[in-house]
Amino acid sequence: MLAIKFREERILFPHMLSTISPEHFENMSRTAAELAYPFVQPNHSSDQTNPAGKTGSADQASPSGKTGSANQASPAGKMSPTEDEIAAVNLGTGALSLEQIKLVFNHLPVDITYVDEHNKVRYFSAPKKRIFPRTTAVIGREVSNCHPPESVHVVEKIVESFRKGQQDRAAFWIRMRGEMIYIQYFAVRGAEGEYKGVLEVSQEISEIQSLEGEKRLLDW
């Protein structure tokens, strides 16, 4: 343990601070906070300083490039809904506000990740318990850079088969942390059948596997 600490303090951290830009470091710190810290309690002070000594501003850039204003915060500390979030979006079979769309996706009992036709990660859902943790740093990234090296060739084969119209679905299941994980990939196509990307859907199915008989009555 002391050897690891020595390498971190004398080699890793000094090298990191000399090669990573303040903006990149700030982004790393933000996304690390999204995943939480295993051994330490982070400092939640509003004046968080990056390696260059710059402090955070009340107007922080969002992944879309827009800045947020302190005037948008509600007394409870949550951001007030914008006009875009209140306005209804016509979905063909109904109309929902952006806030409602986010709530629906985040309450589905599955993890969803969407990769567009250019192989860029564009969206992932954020349920309370994601099977495969993600941070907003993956948005806009090549999908091949979001998977372990040993599985990249499989992902690339799936995407290419979907793009050529050879396949529309691929499925895998693995055991992880005592759970059975069912992973499906679906080709996303437009009204004319044109390739529009890939939808990855992951689900913990241990409870589903254990189902027997029928259940027609509410038991709570």
Protein backbone atom coordinates (compact mmCIF):
# COMPACT_ATOMS: atom_id res chain seq x y z
CA MET A 1 0.00 0.00 0.00
CA LEU A 2 2.84 2.39 0.83
CA ALA A 3 4.46 1.61 -2.52
CA ILE A 4 1.24 2.51 -4.35
CA LYS A 5 0.92 5.74 -2.38
CA PHE A 6 4.54 6.62 -3.17
CA ARG A 7 4.02 6.08 -6.91
CA GLU A 8 0.85 8.15 -6.88
CA GLU A 9 2.33 11.11 -4.98
CA ARG A 10 5.79 11.14 -6.61
CA ILE A 11 5.05 9.95 -10.16
CA LEU A 12 1.37 9.79 -11.15
CA PHE A 13 0.00 13.04 -9.70
CA PRO A 14 2.95 15.30 -10.69
CA HIS A 15 2.89 13.89 -14.22
CA MET A 16 -0.87 14.30 -14.42
CA LEU A 17 -0.77 17.94 -13.29
CA SER A 18 1.94 18.73 -15.85
CA THR A 19 0.17 17.14 -18.82
CA ILE A 20 -3.59 17.55 -18.27
CA SER A 21 -5.12 20.94 -19.02
CA PRO A 22 -7.11 22.73 -16.27
CA GLU A 23 -10.28 22.36 -18.34
CA HIS A 24 -9.75 18.62 -18.77
CA PHE A 25 -8.95 18.22 -15.08
CA GLU A 26 -12.12 20.09 -14.12
CA ASN A 27 -14.17 17.83 -16.40
CA MET A 28 -12.53 14.74 -14.87
CA SER A 29 -13.33 15.99 -11.37
CA ARG A 30 -16.96 16.62 -12.28
CA THR A 31 -17.49 13.21 -13.86
CA ALA A 32 -15.68 11.47 -10.99
CA ALA A 33 -18.17 13.07 -8.60
CA GLU A 34 -21.01 11.56 -10.65
CA LEU A 35 -19.64 8.07 -9.91
CA ALA A 36 -18.97 8.85 -6.21
CA TYR A 37 -15.77 8.22 -4.26
CA PRO A 38 -15.04 4.85 -2.58
CA PHE A 39 -12.64 5.89 0.18
CA VAL A 40 -13.02 9.63 0.83
CA GLN A 41 -15.76 12.17 1.42
CA PRO A 42 -15.53 14.92 -1.23
CA ASN A 43 -15.46 18.57 -0.28
CA HIS A 44 -18.79 20.05 -1.39
CA SER A 45 -17.61 23.63 -1.03
CA SER A 46 -18.87 25.93 -3.79
CA ASP A 47 -15.31 27.21 -4.30
CA GLN A 48 -13.69 24.21 -5.94
CA THR A 49 -10.28 25.03 -7.33
CA ASN A 50 -8.71 23.36 -10.34
CA PRO A 51 -4.93 22.79 -10.74
CA ALA A 52 -4.47 26.22 -12.32
CA GLY A 53 -5.96 27.90 -9.29
CA LYS A 54 -9.15 28.92 -11.03
CA THR A 55 -12.34 28.68 -9.05
CA GLY A 56 -15.70 27.44 -10.25
CA SER A 57 -18.28 29.95 -11.36
CA ALA A 58 -22.00 30.01 -10.71
CA ASP A 59 -22.42 29.83 -14.50
CA GLN A 60 -21.05 26.41 -15.33
CA ALA A 61 -21.23 25.07 -18.87
CA SER A 62 -23.51 22.11 -19.43
CA PRO A 63 -22.76 19.26 -21.85
CA SER A 64 -24.84 21.11 -24.46
CA GLY A 65 -22.64 24.16 -24.16
CA LYS A 66 -25.25 26.31 -22.45
CA THR A 67 -24.51 28.01 -19.18
CA GLY A 68 -26.71 27.86 -16.15
CA SER A 69 -27.61 30.89 -14.09
CA ALA A 70 -27.86 31.05 -10.32
CA ASN A 71 -31.23 32.75 -10.83
CA GLN A 72 -32.63 29.47 -12.14
CA ALA A 73 -32.17 27.67 -8.83
CA SER A 74 -35.24 27.02 -6.69
CA PRO A 75 -35.23 27.49 -2.88
CA ALA A 76 -34.70 23.73 -2.56
CA GLY A 77 -31.51 24.01 -4.58
CA LYS A 78 -32.94 22.36 -7.69
CA MET A 79 -32.95 24.02 -11.08
CA SER A 80 -36.30 25.51 -12.09
CA PRO A 81 -37.74 24.05 -15.31
CA THR A 82 -37.01 26.05 -18.45
CA GLU A 83 -39.55 26.91 -21.14
CA ASP A 84 -38.17 24.05 -23.25
CA GLU A 85 -38.82 21.59 -20.42
CA ILE A 86 -42.38 22.84 -19.96
CA ALA A 87 -43.23 22.81 -23.69
CA ALA A 88 -44.76 19.56 -24.94
CA VAL A 89 -42.94 17.44 -27.51
CA ASN A 90 -45.16 15.64 -30.03
CA LEU A 91 -44.08 11.99 -29.98
CA GLY A 92 -46.62 10.72 -32.49
CA THR A 93 -48.55 8.64 -29.93
CA GLY A 94 -48.76 11.43 -27.38
CA ALA A 95 -47.06 14.60 -26.16
CA LEU A 96 -44.71 14.95 -23.20
CA SER A 97 -42.58 17.76 -21.80
CA LEU A 98 -38.80 17.27 -21.77
CA GLU A 99 -38.99 16.84 -18.01
CA GLN A 100 -41.57 14.07 -18.41
CA ILE A 101 -39.49 12.36 -21.10
CA LYS A 102 -36.47 12.32 -18.79
CA LEU A 103 -38.56 10.95 -15.93
CA VAL A 104 -39.97 8.17 -18.11
CA PHE A 105 -36.55 7.05 -19.36
CA ASN A 106 -35.00 7.22 -15.89
CA HIS A 107 -37.79 5.14 -14.33
CA LEU A 108 -37.59 2.27 -16.80
CA PRO A 109 -36.14 -0.89 -15.16
CA VAL A 110 -33.38 -1.01 -17.79
CA ASP A 111 -30.21 0.86 -18.72
CA ILE A 112 -30.49 2.59 -22.10
CA THR A 113 -27.65 4.00 -24.19
CA TYR A 114 -28.12 5.47 -27.67
CA VAL A 115 -25.33 5.68 -30.25
CA ASP A 116 -26.09 7.66 -33.42
CA GLU A 117 -25.37 6.75 -37.06
CA HIS A 118 -21.92 8.37 -36.76
CA ASN A 119 -20.92 5.99 -33.91
CA LYS A 120 -21.13 8.78 -31.33
CA VAL A 121 -22.69 8.24 -27.91
CA ARG A 122 -25.60 10.69 -27.70
CA TYR A 123 -27.62 9.66 -24.67
CA PHE A 124 -27.84 7.33 -21.70
CA SER A 125 -30.59 6.97 -19.14
CA ALA A 126 -29.91 7.57 -15.46
CA PRO A 127 -31.94 5.18 -13.29
CA LYS A 128 -31.23 5.04 -9.57
CA LYS A 129 -29.17 1.89 -10.04
CA ARG A 130 -27.34 1.65 -13.35
CA ILE A 131 -25.88 -1.74 -14.18
CA PHE A 132 -22.97 -0.22 -16.07
CA PRO A 133 -22.11 3.20 -14.56
CA ARG A 134 -21.58 6.03 -17.03
CA THR A 135 -20.78 9.71 -16.76
CA THR A 136 -21.60 12.58 -19.10
CA ALA A 137 -17.98 12.48 -20.29
CA VAL A 138 -18.99 9.71 -22.73
CA ILE A 139 -21.41 11.99 -24.60
CA GLY A 140 -19.98 12.68 -28.06
CA ARG A 141 -17.34 9.98 -27.69
CA GLU A 142 -16.76 7.20 -30.23
CA VAL A 143 -18.60 4.09 -29.06
CA SER A 144 -15.44 2.01 -29.59
CA ASN A 145 -13.77 4.10 -26.88
CA CYS A 146 -16.50 3.27 -24.35
CA HIS A 147 -15.92 -0.48 -24.09
CA PRO A 148 -13.11 -2.67 -22.72
CA PRO A 149 -10.42 -3.49 -25.33
CA GLU A 150 -11.34 -7.19 -25.30
CA SER A 151 -14.92 -6.45 -26.44
CA VAL A 152 -14.34 -3.59 -28.90
CA HIS A 153 -14.17 -5.92 -31.92
CA VAL A 154 -17.57 -7.40 -30.97
CA VAL A 155 -19.16 -3.95 -30.68
CA GLU A 156 -17.69 -2.89 -34.01
CA LYS A 157 -19.01 -6.05 -35.70
CA ILE A 158 -22.51 -5.42 -34.32
CA VAL A 159 -22.53 -1.79 -35.46
CA GLU A 160 -21.27 -2.68 -38.93
CA SER A 161 -23.84 -5.48 -39.34
CA PHE A 162 -26.62 -3.08 -38.31
CA ARG A 163 -25.33 -0.39 -40.66
CA LYS A 164 -25.31 -2.80 -43.63
CA GLY A 165 -28.81 -4.02 -42.80
CA GLN A 166 -27.59 -7.57 -42.20
CA GLN A 167 -28.91 -7.77 -38.63
CA ASP A 168 -31.30 -5.86 -36.37
CA ARG A 169 -30.61 -7.34 -32.94
CA ALA A 170 -27.84 -8.91 -30.88
CA ALA A 171 -28.16 -10.33 -27.35
CA PHE A 172 -25.76 -11.43 -24.61
CA TRP A 173 -26.12 -12.47 -20.99
CA ILE A 174 -23.47 -12.49 -18.30
CA ARG A 175 -23.18 -13.07 -14.57
CA MET A 176 -21.84 -10.09 -12.66
CA ARG A 177 -21.74 -9.52 -8.90
CA GLY A 178 -24.13 -12.43 -8.37
CA GLU A 179 -26.69 -11.04 -10.83
CA MET A 180 -27.75 -12.18 -14.29
CA ILE A 181 -27.38 -9.32 -16.76
CA TYR A 182 -29.20 -9.41 -20.11
CA ILE A 183 -27.68 -7.09 -22.71
CA GLN A 184 -29.42 -6.36 -26.01
CA TYR A 185 -28.44 -4.21 -28.98
CA PHE A 186 -31.10 -2.98 -31.42
CA ALA A 187 -30.61 -1.31 -34.78
CA VAL A 188 -32.40 2.05 -34.91
CA ARG A 189 -33.84 2.83 -38.34
CA GLY A 190 -35.80 5.74 -39.79
CA ALA A 191 -39.16 5.64 -41.54
CA GLU A 192 -37.47 4.66 -44.82
CA GLY A 193 -35.32 1.99 -43.19
CA GLU A 194 -32.20 4.15 -43.12
CA TYR A 195 -29.70 3.38 -40.38
CA LYS A 196 -29.93 5.82 -37.46
CA GLY A 197 -27.78 4.18 -34.81
CA VAL A 198 -27.80 1.57 -32.06
CA LEU A 199 -29.83 1.26 -28.88
CA GLU A 200 -28.17 -0.68 -26.06
CA VAL A 201 -30.56 -2.02 -23.41
CA SER A 202 -29.25 -3.79 -20.29
CA GLN A 203 -31.39 -5.39 -17.60
CA GLU A 204 -30.94 -7.43 -14.42
CA ILE A 205 -33.18 -10.48 -14.96
CA SER A 206 -32.66 -12.71 -11.88
CA GLU A 207 -36.21 -12.03 -10.67
CA ILE A 208 -37.67 -12.67 -14.11
CA GLN A 209 -35.81 -15.99 -14.35
CA SER A 210 -37.28 -17.13 -11.04
CA LEU A 211 -40.92 -16.54 -12.03
CA GLU A 212 -43.24 -19.55 -11.95
CA GLY A 213 -46.96 -20.04 -12.44
CA GLU A 214 -49.06 -16.88 -12.40
CA LYS A 215 -49.63 -13.85 -10.19
CA ARG A 216 -52.93 -12.05 -10.62
CA LEU A 217 -53.48 -10.52 -7.18
CA LEU A 218 -51.82 -7.56 -5.48
CA ASP A 219 -49.93 -8.73 -2.39
CA TRP A 220 -48.96 -5.46 -0.73
